[in-house]
Amino acid sequence: MRVEDLKIALQYASDSDEVVIAIKLPYATVGPIPMVAVKNAMNGFDWESGKFIIGPVEELTPADRDFATQMKDLQEKLGWAEYEKQGLKTEIKRLKKQLGGPE
């Protein structure tokens, strides 16, 4: 993104809008987009010359693709385990009823 693009986007923002950074998680979530507040924004200098830097309130670190894959795999396994657990609960109820025991 160039600063000119940021200026255009800011035309549609209200002065009372909070500035945040959206965070892409390596697994699915439900609800609002995960985000972190912005602490500061400044022009870069020296090695960062030619950059406009936005600083988050919390430290953000890059996640490698292996980590993202691991998190997605774990989420899928957890979902499958929950599905199996529900199936087992249903089967236990059915068997208890068949045996005439309390549900």
Protein backbone atom coordinates (compact mmCIF):
# COMPACT_ATOMS: atom_id res chain seq x y z
CA MET A 1 0.00 0.00 0.00
CA ARG A 2 1.20 3.47 -0.80
CA VAL A 3 0.54 6.55 1.37
CA GLU A 4 -1.69 7.94 -1.40
CA ASP A 5 -3.88 4.80 -1.08
CA LEU A 6 -4.04 5.29 2.69
CA LYS A 7 -5.12 8.91 2.22
CA ILE A 8 -7.95 7.80 -0.07
CA ALA A 9 -9.09 5.15 2.43
CA LEU A 10 -9.02 7.72 5.25
CA GLN A 11 -11.53 9.90 3.36
CA TYR A 12 -14.21 7.33 4.26
CA ALA A 13 -13.23 7.08 7.95
CA SER A 14 -14.82 9.06 10.76
CA ASP A 15 -12.60 11.08 13.10
CA SER A 16 -13.93 8.96 15.98
CA ASP A 17 -13.01 5.61 14.34
CA GLU A 18 -10.34 3.63 16.19
CA VAL A 19 -7.29 2.68 14.12
CA VAL A 20 -6.50 -1.04 14.40
CA ILE A 21 -4.49 -3.70 12.60
CA ALA A 22 -6.35 -6.82 11.43
CA ILE A 23 -4.64 -10.09 12.29
CA LYS A 24 -4.89 -13.16 10.10
CA LEU A 25 -4.99 -16.25 12.27
CA PRO A 26 -3.90 -19.61 10.84
CA TYR A 27 -7.21 -21.19 11.83
CA ALA A 28 -10.90 -20.36 11.50
CA THR A 29 -12.62 -18.24 14.11
CA VAL A 30 -16.18 -17.18 14.80
CA GLY A 31 -17.02 -13.56 15.47
CA PRO A 32 -15.29 -10.31 14.68
CA ILE A 33 -11.97 -10.07 12.88
CA PRO A 34 -9.08 -10.44 15.35
CA MET A 35 -7.24 -7.13 15.64
CA VAL A 36 -4.79 -5.16 17.72
CA ALA A 37 -4.83 -1.41 18.46
CA VAL A 38 -2.29 0.98 16.98
CA LYS A 39 0.15 2.69 19.36
CA ASN A 40 1.78 5.09 16.91
CA ALA A 41 2.48 5.93 13.28
CA MET A 42 5.57 7.66 11.91
CA ASN A 43 7.73 8.25 8.89
CA GLY A 44 10.70 5.96 8.71
CA PHE A 45 14.25 7.26 8.63
CA ASP A 46 17.70 5.83 8.02
CA TRP A 47 17.24 2.18 6.97
CA GLU A 48 13.44 2.61 7.01
CA SER A 49 13.53 5.73 4.83
CA GLY A 50 10.66 5.79 2.34
CA LYS A 51 8.39 3.82 4.68
CA PHE A 52 5.41 4.94 6.77
CA ILE A 53 5.46 2.75 9.88
CA ILE A 54 2.41 1.82 11.93
CA GLY A 55 3.28 0.50 15.41
CA PRO A 56 0.87 -1.88 17.17
CA VAL A 57 0.16 -1.76 20.92
CA GLU A 58 1.06 -5.46 21.21
CA GLU A 59 4.12 -7.08 19.69
CA LEU A 60 3.34 -8.99 16.51
CA THR A 61 5.62 -11.70 15.21
CA PRO A 62 5.39 -13.50 11.90
CA ALA A 63 4.19 -17.09 11.98
CA ASP A 64 5.82 -19.48 9.57
CA ARG A 65 3.75 -21.61 7.21
CA ASP A 66 4.54 -24.77 9.19
CA PHE A 67 2.94 -23.26 12.29
CA ALA A 68 -0.11 -22.17 10.32
CA THR A 69 -0.48 -25.68 8.89
CA GLN A 70 -0.09 -27.24 12.34
CA MET A 71 -2.77 -24.95 13.79
CA LYS A 72 -5.18 -25.75 10.95
CA ASP A 73 -4.56 -29.49 11.36
CA LEU A 74 -5.14 -29.26 15.13
CA GLN A 75 -8.38 -27.38 14.60
CA GLU A 76 -9.60 -30.03 12.16
CA LYS A 77 -8.66 -32.83 14.59
CA LEU A 78 -10.46 -31.05 17.42
CA GLY A 79 -13.57 -30.64 15.29
CA TRP A 80 -13.51 -34.32 14.36
CA ALA A 81 -12.99 -35.36 18.00
CA GLU A 82 -15.99 -33.24 19.04
CA TYR A 83 -18.09 -34.86 16.32
CA GLU A 84 -17.04 -38.35 17.49
CA LYS A 85 -17.74 -37.43 21.12
CA GLN A 86 -21.30 -36.39 20.25
CA GLY A 87 -21.77 -39.65 18.36
CA LEU A 88 -20.54 -41.67 21.34
CA LYS A 89 -22.86 -39.83 23.73
CA THR A 90 -25.79 -40.62 21.45
CA GLU A 91 -24.75 -44.27 21.25
CA ILE A 92 -24.39 -44.52 25.06
CA LYS A 93 -27.90 -43.11 25.53
CA ARG A 94 -29.26 -45.57 22.97
CA LEU A 95 -27.57 -48.53 24.67
CA LYS A 96 -28.71 -47.47 28.15
CA LYS A 97 -32.26 -47.21 26.89
CA GLN A 98 -31.93 -50.64 25.27
CA LEU A 99 -30.67 -52.13 28.54
CA GLY A 100 -33.44 -50.41 30.49
CA GLY A 101 -31.05 -48.37 32.62
CA PRO A 102 -31.28 -44.68 33.58
CA GLU A 103 -30.46 -42.22 30.81
